[in-house]
Amino acid sequence: MDINDLRSIVTVAGLLCFLAIVGWAYGKGSKKGFEEAANLPFAEHDDQGGASKPSHPR
């Protein structure tokens, strides 16, 4: 086994990991969870937000 065999094994392992992540991301079961996570910033209004009231005027 030389360095080129190791490189080939790492390349194939990386490709399989990538395909597994793509399959998980686009699978049926993940859609609902991703939609909920995408709407989290809009779920509740933060009354103590720093962006709405500046701490010092310019």
N, C-alpha and C. Protein backbone atom coordinates (compact mmCIF):
# COMPACT_ATOMS: atom_id res chain seq x y z
N MET A 1 0.85 -1.17 0.00
CA MET A 1 0.00 0.00 0.00
C MET A 1 0.90 1.24 0.00
N ASP A 2 0.75 2.06 -1.01
CA ASP A 2 1.54 3.28 -1.07
C ASP A 2 0.64 4.50 -0.85
N ILE A 3 1.22 5.68 -0.99
CA ILE A 3 0.50 6.92 -0.70
C ILE A 3 -0.67 7.14 -1.65
N ASN A 4 -0.56 6.66 -2.89
CA ASN A 4 -1.66 6.85 -3.85
C ASN A 4 -2.88 6.02 -3.47
N ASP A 5 -2.68 4.84 -2.89
CA ASP A 5 -3.81 4.04 -2.41
C ASP A 5 -4.51 4.76 -1.26
N LEU A 6 -3.73 5.33 -0.36
CA LEU A 6 -4.30 6.08 0.76
C LEU A 6 -5.07 7.30 0.27
N ARG A 7 -4.54 7.99 -0.72
CA ARG A 7 -5.25 9.14 -1.28
C ARG A 7 -6.57 8.72 -1.92
N SER A 8 -6.56 7.60 -2.60
CA SER A 8 -7.79 7.10 -3.23
C SER A 8 -8.84 6.74 -2.18
N ILE A 9 -8.40 6.10 -1.10
CA ILE A 9 -9.33 5.72 -0.03
C ILE A 9 -9.92 6.96 0.62
N VAL A 10 -9.10 7.97 0.88
CA VAL A 10 -9.59 9.21 1.50
C VAL A 10 -10.56 9.93 0.56
N THR A 11 -10.27 9.92 -0.73
CA THR A 11 -11.16 10.56 -1.70
C THR A 11 -12.52 9.87 -1.75
N VAL A 12 -12.51 8.55 -1.77
CA VAL A 12 -13.77 7.79 -1.80
C VAL A 12 -14.54 7.99 -0.50
N ALA A 13 -13.85 8.00 0.63
CA ALA A 13 -14.51 8.22 1.92
C ALA A 13 -15.13 9.62 1.98
N GLY A 14 -14.41 10.62 1.46
CA GLY A 14 -14.96 11.98 1.43
C GLY A 14 -16.18 12.08 0.54
N LEU A 15 -16.15 11.41 -0.61
CA LEU A 15 -17.30 11.41 -1.50
C LEU A 15 -18.50 10.75 -0.84
N LEU A 16 -18.28 9.64 -0.16
CA LEU A 16 -19.39 8.96 0.52
C LEU A 16 -19.97 9.81 1.65
N CYS A 17 -19.11 10.51 2.38
CA CYS A 17 -19.61 11.42 3.42
C CYS A 17 -20.42 12.55 2.81
N PHE A 18 -19.95 13.11 1.72
CA PHE A 18 -20.67 14.17 1.05
C PHE A 18 -22.04 13.70 0.57
N LEU A 19 -22.09 12.53 -0.04
CA LEU A 19 -23.36 12.00 -0.52
C LEU A 19 -24.31 11.69 0.64
N ALA A 20 -23.77 11.24 1.76
CA ALA A 20 -24.61 10.98 2.93
C ALA A 20 -25.21 12.28 3.47
N ILE A 21 -24.42 13.34 3.50
CA ILE A 21 -24.94 14.64 3.98
C ILE A 21 -25.99 15.19 3.03
N VAL A 22 -25.76 15.08 1.74
CA VAL A 22 -26.74 15.54 0.75
C VAL A 22 -28.03 14.74 0.88
N GLY A 23 -27.91 13.43 1.05
CA GLY A 23 -29.10 12.59 1.23
C GLY A 23 -29.87 12.96 2.48
N TRP A 24 -29.16 13.25 3.56
CA TRP A 24 -29.82 13.65 4.80
C TRP A 24 -30.50 15.00 4.64
N ALA A 25 -29.83 15.93 3.99
CA ALA A 25 -30.37 17.29 3.85
C ALA A 25 -31.61 17.33 2.97
N TYR A 26 -31.63 16.52 1.93
CA TYR A 26 -32.75 16.55 1.00
C TYR A 26 -33.76 15.42 1.24
N GLY A 27 -33.62 14.69 2.32
CA GLY A 27 -34.56 13.63 2.64
C GLY A 27 -35.90 14.17 3.10
N LYS A 28 -36.92 13.34 3.02
CA LYS A 28 -38.28 13.76 3.41
C LYS A 28 -38.35 14.17 4.88
N GLY A 29 -37.74 13.40 5.74
CA GLY A 29 -37.87 13.63 7.18
C GLY A 29 -37.22 14.91 7.67
N SER A 30 -36.29 15.46 6.93
CA SER A 30 -35.56 16.65 7.38
C SER A 30 -36.27 17.95 7.04
N LYS A 31 -37.20 17.94 6.14
CA LYS A 31 -37.80 19.18 5.66
C LYS A 31 -38.51 19.94 6.78
N LYS A 32 -39.28 19.25 7.59
CA LYS A 32 -40.03 19.92 8.65
C LYS A 32 -39.09 20.57 9.66
N GLY A 33 -38.05 19.87 10.06
CA GLY A 33 -37.09 20.43 11.00
C GLY A 33 -36.36 21.63 10.46
N PHE A 34 -36.00 21.58 9.17
CA PHE A 34 -35.32 22.72 8.57
C PHE A 34 -36.25 23.91 8.44
N GLU A 35 -37.52 23.69 8.14
CA GLU A 35 -38.46 24.80 8.05
C GLU A 35 -38.67 25.44 9.41
N GLU A 36 -38.74 24.64 10.46
CA GLU A 36 -38.88 25.19 11.81
C GLU A 36 -37.65 26.01 12.18
N ALA A 37 -36.47 25.50 11.86
CA ALA A 37 -35.24 26.22 12.18
C ALA A 37 -35.14 27.52 11.39
N ALA A 38 -35.61 27.51 10.15
CA ALA A 38 -35.56 28.71 9.33
C ALA A 38 -36.49 29.80 9.86
N ASN A 39 -37.57 29.42 10.52
CA ASN A 39 -38.53 30.40 11.03
C ASN A 39 -38.28 30.80 12.48
N LEU A 40 -37.25 30.28 13.11
CA LEU A 40 -36.96 30.63 14.50
C LEU A 40 -36.72 32.13 14.72
N PRO A 41 -36.02 32.83 13.84
CA PRO A 41 -35.84 34.26 14.09
C PRO A 41 -37.14 35.05 14.10
N PHE A 42 -38.17 34.53 13.48
CA PHE A 42 -39.44 35.23 13.40
C PHE A 42 -40.45 34.75 14.43
N ALA A 43 -40.09 33.80 15.26
CA ALA A 43 -41.02 33.18 16.20
C ALA A 43 -41.47 34.15 17.29
N GLU A 44 -40.53 34.83 17.92
CA GLU A 44 -40.87 35.76 19.00
C GLU A 44 -40.06 37.04 18.84
N HIS A 45 -40.66 38.12 19.31
CA HIS A 45 -39.96 39.40 19.27
C HIS A 45 -39.16 39.55 20.55
N ASP A 46 -37.90 39.88 20.43
CA ASP A 46 -37.03 40.08 21.58
C ASP A 46 -37.16 41.53 22.05
N ASP A 47 -37.71 41.72 23.26
CA ASP A 47 -37.92 43.07 23.78
C ASP A 47 -36.63 43.73 24.24
N GLN A 48 -35.59 42.96 24.49
CA GLN A 48 -34.34 43.52 24.98
C GLN A 48 -33.28 43.57 23.89
N GLY A 49 -33.70 43.70 22.67
CA GLY A 49 -32.76 43.72 21.55
C GLY A 49 -31.91 44.97 21.55
N GLY A 50 -30.64 44.81 21.30
CA GLY A 50 -29.73 45.94 21.29
C GLY A 50 -29.80 46.74 20.01
N ALA A 51 -30.28 46.15 18.94
CA ALA A 51 -30.28 46.85 17.67
C ALA A 51 -31.42 47.87 17.58
N SER A 52 -32.48 47.69 18.33
CA SER A 52 -33.62 48.59 18.23
C SER A 52 -33.37 49.91 18.96
N LYS A 53 -32.60 49.91 20.05
CA LYS A 53 -32.31 51.12 20.81
C LYS A 53 -30.80 51.29 20.91
N PRO A 54 -30.27 52.30 20.28
CA PRO A 54 -28.81 52.50 20.40
C PRO A 54 -28.43 52.91 21.82
N SER A 55 -27.28 52.47 22.28
CA SER A 55 -26.86 52.79 23.65
C SER A 55 -26.33 54.21 23.77
N HIS A 56 -25.87 54.78 22.67
CA HIS A 56 -25.40 56.17 22.71
C HIS A 56 -25.70 56.83 21.37
N PRO A 57 -26.16 58.08 21.41
CA PRO A 57 -26.45 58.78 20.15
C PRO A 57 -25.16 59.22 19.46
N ARG A 58 -25.20 59.34 18.17
CA ARG A 58 -24.02 59.79 17.42
C ARG A 58 -24.17 61.21 16.99
